[in-house]
């Protein structure tokens, strides 16, 4: 199974909805654990985006490619600005 950022958002919103459920609210310790894990995932995605922007590449597709701007790698260009 390959999760995407949309999946993370869906899980976090489900957690938020569960916290506010008057009949069976989620325990605060469990919600805190979910938020902590989500923050680690977000931080790793930020590192991946920085890596992609600096050296090029596609990454893990956690953030779908079709939503990312396309950049040419400056390090692989010739003096006339063509990609080598």
PDB file of N, CA and C in Angstrom:
ATOM      1  N   UNK A   1       0.849  -1.177   0.000  1.00  0.00           N
ATOM      2  CA  UNK A   1       0.000   0.000   0.000  1.00  0.00           C
ATOM      3  C   UNK A   1       0.889   1.233   0.000  1.00  0.00           C
ATOM      4  N   UNK A   2       0.589   2.184  -0.887  1.00  0.00           N
ATOM      5  CA  UNK A   2       1.356   3.422  -0.946  1.00  0.00           C
ATOM      6  C   UNK A   2       0.433   4.579  -0.577  1.00  0.00           C
ATOM      7  N   UNK A   3       0.721   5.226   0.528  1.00  0.00           N
ATOM      8  CA  UNK A   3      -0.105   6.330   1.009  1.00  0.00           C
ATOM      9  C   UNK A   3       0.333   7.640   0.387  1.00  0.00           C
ATOM     10  N   UNK A   4      -0.610   8.528   0.228  1.00  0.00           N
ATOM     11  CA  UNK A   4      -0.375   9.855  -0.335  1.00  0.00           C
ATOM     12  C   UNK A   4      -0.740  10.905   0.705  1.00  0.00           C
ATOM     13  N   UNK A   5      -0.390  12.137   0.429  1.00  0.00           N
ATOM     14  CA  UNK A   5      -0.680  13.220   1.360  1.00  0.00           C
ATOM     15  C   UNK A   5      -2.187  13.369   1.581  1.00  0.00           C
ATOM     16  N   UNK A   6      -2.985  13.060   0.555  1.00  0.00           N
ATOM     17  CA  UNK A   6      -4.445  13.127   0.718  1.00  0.00           C
ATOM     18  C   UNK A   6      -4.922  12.127   1.771  1.00  0.00           C
ATOM     19  N   UNK A   7      -4.281  10.955   1.811  1.00  0.00           N
ATOM     20  CA  UNK A   7      -4.633   9.947   2.814  1.00  0.00           C
ATOM     21  C   UNK A   7      -4.333  10.463   4.221  1.00  0.00           C
ATOM     22  N   UNK A   8      -3.197  11.110   4.373  1.00  0.00           N
ATOM     23  CA  UNK A   8      -2.844  11.677   5.676  1.00  0.00           C
ATOM     24  C   UNK A   8      -3.874  12.718   6.096  1.00  0.00           C
ATOM     25  N   UNK A   9      -4.235  13.585   5.182  1.00  0.00           N
ATOM     26  CA  UNK A   9      -5.256  14.599   5.501  1.00  0.00           C
ATOM     27  C   UNK A   9      -6.567  13.939   5.918  1.00  0.00           C
ATOM     28  N   UNK A  10      -6.972  12.913   5.189  1.00  0.00           N
ATOM     29  CA  UNK A  10      -8.222  12.220   5.515  1.00  0.00           C
ATOM     30  C   UNK A  10      -8.170  11.599   6.911  1.00  0.00           C
ATOM     31  N   UNK A  11      -7.045  10.981   7.257  1.00  0.00           N
ATOM     32  CA  UNK A  11      -6.898  10.390   8.585  1.00  0.00           C
ATOM     33  C   UNK A  11      -6.943  11.459   9.676  1.00  0.00           C
ATOM     34  N   UNK A  12      -6.283  12.580   9.422  1.00  0.00           N
ATOM     35  CA  UNK A  12      -6.264  13.650  10.421  1.00  0.00           C
ATOM     36  C   UNK A  12      -7.644  14.271  10.608  1.00  0.00           C
ATOM     37  N   UNK A  13      -8.371  14.447   9.530  1.00  0.00           N
ATOM     38  CA  UNK A  13      -9.732  14.983   9.661  1.00  0.00           C
ATOM     39  C   UNK A  13     -10.656  13.980  10.355  1.00  0.00           C
ATOM     40  N   UNK A  14     -10.463  12.696  10.087  1.00  0.00           N
ATOM     41  CA  UNK A  14     -11.252  11.672  10.785  1.00  0.00           C
ATOM     42  C   UNK A  14     -10.951  11.701  12.282  1.00  0.00           C
ATOM     43  N   UNK A  15      -9.694  11.906  12.622  1.00  0.00           N
ATOM     44  CA  UNK A  15      -9.298  12.025  14.029  1.00  0.00           C
ATOM     45  C   UNK A  15      -9.964  13.240  14.669  1.00  0.00           C
ATOM     46  N   UNK A  16      -9.952  14.350  13.979  1.00  0.00           N
ATOM     47  CA  UNK A  16     -10.591  15.568  14.481  1.00  0.00           C
ATOM     48  C   UNK A  16     -12.088  15.362  14.689  1.00  0.00           C
ATOM     49  N   UNK A  17     -12.728  14.710  13.733  1.00  0.00           N
ATOM     50  CA  UNK A  17     -14.160  14.423  13.867  1.00  0.00           C
ATOM     51  C   UNK A  17     -14.424  13.495  15.044  1.00  0.00           C
ATOM     52  N   UNK A  18     -13.555  12.510  15.219  1.00  0.00           N
ATOM     53  CA  UNK A  18     -13.726  11.572  16.328  1.00  0.00           C
ATOM     54  C   UNK A  18     -13.540  12.261  17.678  1.00  0.00           C
ATOM     55  N   UNK A  19     -12.638  13.209  17.744  1.00  0.00           N
ATOM     56  CA  UNK A  19     -12.435  13.953  18.999  1.00  0.00           C
ATOM     57  C   UNK A  19     -13.698  14.696  19.420  1.00  0.00           C
ATOM     58  N   UNK A  20     -14.433  15.190  18.433  1.00  0.00           N
ATOM     59  CA  UNK A  20     -15.619  15.987  18.752  1.00  0.00           C
ATOM     60  C   UNK A  20     -16.917  15.177  18.766  1.00  0.00           C
ATOM     61  N   UNK A  21     -16.810  13.848  18.638  1.00  0.00           N
ATOM     62  CA  UNK A  21     -17.994  12.991  18.677  1.00  0.00           C
ATOM     63  C   UNK A  21     -18.539  12.950  20.110  1.00  0.00           C
ATOM     64  N   UNK A  22     -19.751  13.478  20.331  1.00  0.00           N
ATOM     65  CA  UNK A  22     -20.273  13.539  21.701  1.00  0.00           C
ATOM     66  C   UNK A  22     -20.599  12.171  22.292  1.00  0.00           C
ATOM     67  N   UNK A  23     -20.892  11.187  21.446  1.00  0.00           N
ATOM     68  CA  UNK A  23     -21.262   9.863  21.954  1.00  0.00           C
ATOM     69  C   UNK A  23     -20.055   8.994  22.291  1.00  0.00           C
ATOM     70  N   UNK A  24     -19.024   9.069  21.470  1.00  0.00           N
ATOM     71  CA  UNK A  24     -17.841   8.243  21.715  1.00  0.00           C
ATOM     72  C   UNK A  24     -16.588   8.986  21.256  1.00  0.00           C
ATOM     73  N   UNK A  25     -16.155   9.994  22.022  1.00  0.00           N
ATOM     74  CA  UNK A  25     -14.976  10.760  21.599  1.00  0.00           C
ATOM     75  C   UNK A  25     -13.687   9.934  21.703  1.00  0.00           C
ATOM     76  N   UNK A  26     -12.762  10.238  20.812  1.00  0.00           N
ATOM     77  CA  UNK A  26     -11.458   9.576  20.832  1.00  0.00           C
ATOM     78  C   UNK A  26     -10.695  10.008  22.086  1.00  0.00           C
ATOM     79  N   UNK A  27      -9.914   9.085  22.653  1.00  0.00           N
ATOM     80  CA  UNK A  27      -9.103   9.420  23.812  1.00  0.00           C
ATOM     81  C   UNK A  27      -8.029  10.424  23.401  1.00  0.00           C
ATOM     82  N   UNK A  28      -7.738  11.372  24.276  1.00  0.00           N
ATOM     83  CA  UNK A  28      -6.767  12.416  23.968  1.00  0.00           C
ATOM     84  C   UNK A  28      -5.367  11.848  23.745  1.00  0.00           C
ATOM     85  N   UNK A  29      -4.985  10.819  24.501  1.00  0.00           N
ATOM     86  CA  UNK A  29      -3.663  10.219  24.304  1.00  0.00           C
ATOM     87  C   UNK A  29      -3.523   9.625  22.906  1.00  0.00           C
ATOM     88  N   UNK A  30      -4.581   8.998  22.433  1.00  0.00           N
ATOM     89  CA  UNK A  30      -4.546   8.410  21.085  1.00  0.00           C
ATOM     90  C   UNK A  30      -4.482   9.511  20.028  1.00  0.00           C
ATOM     91  N   UNK A  31      -5.267  10.565  20.198  1.00  0.00           N
ATOM     92  CA  UNK A  31      -5.237  11.677  19.249  1.00  0.00           C
ATOM     93  C   UNK A  31      -3.858  12.330  19.222  1.00  0.00           C
ATOM     94  N   UNK A  32      -3.224  12.478  20.384  1.00  0.00           N
ATOM     95  CA  UNK A  32      -1.879  13.062  20.461  1.00  0.00           C
ATOM     96  C   UNK A  32      -0.879  12.177  19.732  1.00  0.00           C
ATOM     97  N   UNK A  33      -0.997  10.861  19.909  1.00  0.00           N
ATOM     98  CA  UNK A  33      -0.099   9.942  19.208  1.00  0.00           C
ATOM     99  C   UNK A  33      -0.279  10.050  17.690  1.00  0.00           C
ATOM    100  N   UNK A  34      -1.518  10.148  17.236  1.00  0.00           N
ATOM    101  CA  UNK A  34      -1.787  10.293  15.795  1.00  0.00           C
ATOM    102  C   UNK A  34      -1.171  11.594  15.282  1.00  0.00           C
ATOM    103  N   UNK A  35      -1.356  12.683  16.034  1.00  0.00           N
ATOM    104  CA  UNK A  35      -0.802  13.982  15.623  1.00  0.00           C
ATOM    105  C   UNK A  35       0.723  13.937  15.586  1.00  0.00           C
ATOM    106  N   UNK A  36       1.341  13.264  16.537  1.00  0.00           N
ATOM    107  CA  UNK A  36       2.809  13.159  16.560  1.00  0.00           C
ATOM    108  C   UNK A  36       3.331  12.394  15.353  1.00  0.00           C
ATOM    109  N   UNK A  37       2.691  11.275  15.036  1.00  0.00           N
ATOM    110  CA  UNK A  37       3.105  10.487  13.872  1.00  0.00           C
ATOM    111  C   UNK A  37       2.887  11.297  12.589  1.00  0.00           C
ATOM    112  N   UNK A  38       1.765  11.990  12.500  1.00  0.00           N
ATOM    113  CA  UNK A  38       1.490  12.815  11.321  1.00  0.00           C
ATOM    114  C   UNK A  38       2.565  13.888  11.143  1.00  0.00           C
ATOM    115  N   UNK A  39       3.023  14.481  12.240  1.00  0.00           N
ATOM    116  CA  UNK A  39       4.057  15.513  12.148  1.00  0.00           C
ATOM    117  C   UNK A  39       5.369  14.942  11.615  1.00  0.00           C
ATOM    118  N   UNK A  40       5.709  13.728  12.033  1.00  0.00           N
ATOM    119  CA  UNK A  40       6.910  13.076  11.514  1.00  0.00           C
ATOM    120  C   UNK A  40       6.774  12.844  10.007  1.00  0.00           C
ATOM    121  N   UNK A  41       5.600  12.404   9.570  1.00  0.00           N
ATOM    122  CA  UNK A  41       5.371  12.176   8.136  1.00  0.00           C
ATOM    123  C   UNK A  41       5.481  13.487   7.369  1.00  0.00           C
ATOM    124  N   UNK A  42       4.895  14.542   7.903  1.00  0.00           N
ATOM    125  CA  UNK A  42       4.964  15.862   7.250  1.00  0.00           C
ATOM    126  C   UNK A  42       6.404  16.346   7.171  1.00  0.00           C
ATOM    127  N   UNK A  43       7.158  16.186   8.245  1.00  0.00           N
ATOM    128  CA  UNK A  43       8.563  16.611   8.236  1.00  0.00           C
ATOM    129  C   UNK A  43       9.374  15.837   7.211  1.00  0.00           C
ATOM    130  N   UNK A  44       9.113  14.537   7.081  1.00  0.00           N
ATOM    131  CA  UNK A  44       9.845  13.756   6.078  1.00  0.00           C
ATOM    132  C   UNK A  44       9.448  14.185   4.664  1.00  0.00           C
ATOM    133  N   UNK A  45       8.197  14.558   4.466  1.00  0.00           N
ATOM    134  CA  UNK A  45       7.765  15.054   3.154  1.00  0.00           C
ATOM    135  C   UNK A  45       8.446  16.381   2.826  1.00  0.00           C
ATOM    136  N   UNK A  46       8.627  17.241   3.832  1.00  0.00           N
ATOM    137  CA  UNK A  46       9.329  18.515   3.607  1.00  0.00           C
ATOM    138  C   UNK A  46      10.769  18.271   3.169  1.00  0.00           C
ATOM    139  N   UNK A  47      11.424  17.313   3.802  1.00  0.00           N
ATOM    140  CA  UNK A  47      12.794  16.966   3.416  1.00  0.00           C
ATOM    141  C   UNK A  47      12.808  16.444   1.987  1.00  0.00           C
ATOM    142  N   UNK A  48      11.833  15.617   1.640  1.00  0.00           N
ATOM    143  CA  UNK A  48      11.752  15.074   0.283  1.00  0.00           C
ATOM    144  C   UNK A  48      11.562  16.193  -0.746  1.00  0.00           C
ATOM    145  N   UNK A  49      10.691  17.142  -0.451  1.00  0.00           N
ATOM    146  CA  UNK A  49      10.456  18.259  -1.370  1.00  0.00           C
ATOM    147  C   UNK A  49      11.727  19.090  -1.526  1.00  0.00           C
ATOM    148  N   UNK A  50      12.415  19.367  -0.424  1.00  0.00           N
ATOM    149  CA  UNK A  50      13.684  20.110  -0.506  1.00  0.00           C
ATOM    150  C   UNK A  50      14.689  19.364  -1.374  1.00  0.00           C
ATOM    151  N   UNK A  51      14.783  18.051  -1.185  1.00  0.00           N
ATOM    152  CA  UNK A  51      15.699  17.235  -1.975  1.00  0.00           C
ATOM    153  C   UNK A  51      15.348  17.306  -3.460  1.00  0.00           C
ATOM    154  N   UNK A  52      14.073  17.139  -3.778  1.00  0.00           N
ATOM    155  CA  UNK A  52      13.628  17.182  -5.170  1.00  0.00           C
ATOM    156  C   UNK A  52      13.959  18.535  -5.797  1.00  0.00           C
ATOM    157  N   UNK A  53      13.702  19.612  -5.063  1.00  0.00           N
ATOM    158  CA  UNK A  53      13.952  20.955  -5.593  1.00  0.00           C
ATOM    159  C   UNK A  53      15.431  21.245  -5.764  1.00  0.00           C
ATOM    160  N   UNK A  54      16.281  20.659  -4.935  1.00  0.00           N
ATOM    161  CA  UNK A  54      17.712  20.942  -5.022  1.00  0.00           C
ATOM    162  C   UNK A  54      18.439  20.084  -6.046  1.00  0.00           C
ATOM    163  N   UNK A  55      18.099  18.810  -6.127  1.00  0.00           N
ATOM    164  CA  UNK A  55      18.848  17.931  -7.011  1.00  0.00           C
ATOM    165  C   UNK A  55      18.009  17.315  -8.130  1.00  0.00           C
ATOM    166  N   UNK A  56      16.743  17.573  -8.137  1.00  0.00           N
ATOM    167  CA  UNK A  56      15.886  16.993  -9.163  1.00  0.00           C
ATOM    168  C   UNK A  56      15.482  15.580  -8.793  1.00  0.00           C
ATOM    169  N   UNK A  57      14.625  15.033  -9.561  1.00  0.00           N
ATOM    170  CA  UNK A  57      14.169  13.673  -9.283  1.00  0.00           C
ATOM    171  C   UNK A  57      12.676  13.642  -9.073  1.00  0.00           C
ATOM    172  N   UNK A  58      12.189  12.476  -8.710  1.00  0.00           N
ATOM    173  CA  UNK A  58      10.751  12.311  -8.574  1.00  0.00           C
ATOM    174  C   UNK A  58      10.294  12.064  -7.153  1.00  0.00           C
ATOM    175  N   UNK A  59      11.166  11.629  -6.271  1.00  0.00           N
ATOM    176  CA  UNK A  59      10.759  11.354  -4.895  1.00  0.00           C
ATOM    177  C   UNK A  59       9.959  10.077  -4.791  1.00  0.00           C
ATOM    178  N   UNK A  60       9.165   9.972  -3.724  1.00  0.00           N
ATOM    179  CA  UNK A  60       8.420   8.747  -3.455  1.00  0.00           C
ATOM    180  C   UNK A  60       6.969   8.825  -3.915  1.00  0.00           C
ATOM    181  N   UNK A  61       6.581   9.943  -4.476  1.00  0.00           N
ATOM    182  CA  UNK A  61       5.206  10.199  -4.919  1.00  0.00           C
ATOM    183  C   UNK A  61       4.223  10.349  -3.766  1.00  0.00           C
ATOM    184  N   UNK A  62       4.716  10.611  -2.548  1.00  0.00           N
ATOM    185  CA  UNK A  62       3.825  10.950  -1.439  1.00  0.00           C
ATOM    186  C   UNK A  62       3.021  12.185  -1.829  1.00  0.00           C
ATOM    187  N   UNK A  63       3.697  13.135  -2.455  1.00  0.00           N
ATOM    188  CA  UNK A  63       3.033  14.285  -3.059  1.00  0.00           C
ATOM    189  C   UNK A  63       2.999  13.970  -4.558  1.00  0.00           C
ATOM    190  N   UNK A  64       1.820  13.739  -5.125  1.00  0.00           N
ATOM    191  CA  UNK A  64       1.729  13.308  -6.526  1.00  0.00           C
ATOM    192  C   UNK A  64       2.456  14.250  -7.474  1.00  0.00           C
ATOM    193  N   UNK A  65       3.149  13.666  -8.452  1.00  0.00           N
ATOM    194  CA  UNK A  65       3.943  14.453  -9.402  1.00  0.00           C
ATOM    195  C   UNK A  65       3.123  15.489 -10.151  1.00  0.00           C
ATOM    196  N   UNK A  66       1.896  15.152 -10.505  1.00  0.00           N
ATOM    197  CA  UNK A  66       1.107  16.080 -11.315  1.00  0.00           C
ATOM    198  C   UNK A  66       0.795  17.382 -10.578  1.00  0.00           C
ATOM    199  N   UNK A  67       0.990  17.428  -9.257  1.00  0.00           N
ATOM    200  CA  UNK A  67       0.733  18.653  -8.506  1.00  0.00           C
ATOM    201  C   UNK A  67       2.000  19.462  -8.265  1.00  0.00           C
ATOM    202  N   UNK A  68       3.154  18.930  -8.692  1.00  0.00           N
ATOM    203  CA  UNK A  68       4.424  19.624  -8.469  1.00  0.00           C
ATOM    204  C   UNK A  68       4.826  20.417  -9.702  1.00  0.00           C
ATOM    205  N   UNK A  69       5.419  21.594  -9.508  1.00  0.00           N
ATOM    206  CA  UNK A  69       5.955  22.325 -10.658  1.00  0.00           C
ATOM    207  C   UNK A  69       7.157  21.578 -11.228  1.00  0.00           C
ATOM    208  N   UNK A  70       7.399  21.748 -12.494  1.00  0.00           N
ATOM    209  CA  UNK A  70       8.527  21.090 -13.129  1.00  0.00           C
ATOM    210  C   UNK A  70       9.727  22.036 -13.150  1.00  0.00           C
ATOM    211  N   UNK A  71      10.881  21.536 -12.690  1.00  0.00           N
ATOM    212  CA  UNK A  71      12.116  22.317 -12.668  1.00  0.00           C
ATOM    213  C   UNK A  71      13.177  21.568 -13.452  1.00  0.00           C
ATOM    214  N   UNK A  72      14.011  22.327 -14.181  1.00  0.00           N
ATOM    215  CA  UNK A  72      15.158  21.722 -14.839  1.00  0.00           C
ATOM    216  C   UNK A  72      16.322  21.779 -13.875  1.00  0.00           C
ATOM    217  N   UNK A  73      17.137  20.764 -13.901  1.00  0.00           N
ATOM    218  CA  UNK A  73      18.305  20.759 -13.032  1.00  0.00           C
ATOM    219  C   UNK A  73      19.355  21.699 -13.594  1.00  0.00           C
ATOM    220  N   UNK A  74      19.707  22.708 -12.845  1.00  0.00           N
ATOM    221  CA  UNK A  74      20.701  23.688 -13.282  1.00  0.00           C
ATOM    222  C   UNK A  74      22.062  23.023 -13.452  1.00  0.00           C
ATOM    223  N   UNK A  75      22.400  22.077 -12.602  1.00  0.00           N
ATOM    224  CA  UNK A  75      23.707  21.431 -12.664  1.00  0.00           C
ATOM    225  C   UNK A  75      23.904  20.666 -13.958  1.00  0.00           C
ATOM    226  N   UNK A  76      22.859  20.267 -14.633  1.00  0.00           N
ATOM    227  CA  UNK A  76      22.968  19.477 -15.863  1.00  0.00           C
ATOM    228  C   UNK A  76      22.666  20.291 -17.113  1.00  0.00           C
ATOM    229  N   UNK A  77      22.899  21.595 -17.072  1.00  0.00           N
ATOM    230  CA  UNK A  77      22.672  22.400 -18.259  1.00  0.00           C
ATOM    231  C   UNK A  77      24.005  22.754 -18.907  1.00  0.00           C
ATOM    232  N   UNK A  78      23.963  22.972 -20.199  1.00  0.00           N
ATOM    233  CA  UNK A  78      25.146  23.370 -20.953  1.00  0.00           C
ATOM    234  C   UNK A  78      25.224  24.895 -20.947  1.00  0.00           C
ATOM    235  N   UNK A  79      26.334  25.481 -21.421  1.00  0.00           N
ATOM    236  CA  UNK A  79      26.437  26.958 -21.433  1.00  0.00           C
ATOM    237  C   UNK A  79      25.300  27.656 -22.165  1.00  0.00           C
ATOM    238  N   UNK A  80      24.663  27.007 -23.136  1.00  0.00           N
ATOM    239  CA  UNK A  80      23.548  27.642 -23.846  1.00  0.00           C
ATOM    240  C   UNK A  80      22.206  27.283 -23.207  1.00  0.00           C
ATOM    241  N   UNK A  81      22.238  26.841 -21.925  1.00  0.00           N
ATOM    242  CA  UNK A  81      21.061  26.540 -21.119  1.00  0.00           C
ATOM    243  C   UNK A  81      20.211  25.381 -21.621  1.00  0.00           C
ATOM    244  N   UNK A  82      20.820  24.464 -22.361  1.00  0.00           N
ATOM    245  CA  UNK A  82      20.113  23.251 -22.754  1.00  0.00           C
ATOM    246  C   UNK A  82      20.461  22.156 -21.757  1.00  0.00           C
ATOM    247  N   UNK A  83      19.490  21.301 -21.503  1.00  0.00           N
ATOM    248  CA  UNK A  83      19.725  20.208 -20.560  1.00  0.00           C
ATOM    249  C   UNK A  83      20.700  19.226 -21.162  1.00  0.00           C
ATOM    250  N   UNK A  84      21.736  18.889 -20.390  1.00  0.00           N
ATOM    251  CA  UNK A  84      22.772  17.973 -20.881  1.00  0.00           C
ATOM    252  C   UNK A  84      22.300  16.543 -20.837  1.00  0.00           C
TER     253      UNK A  84
END
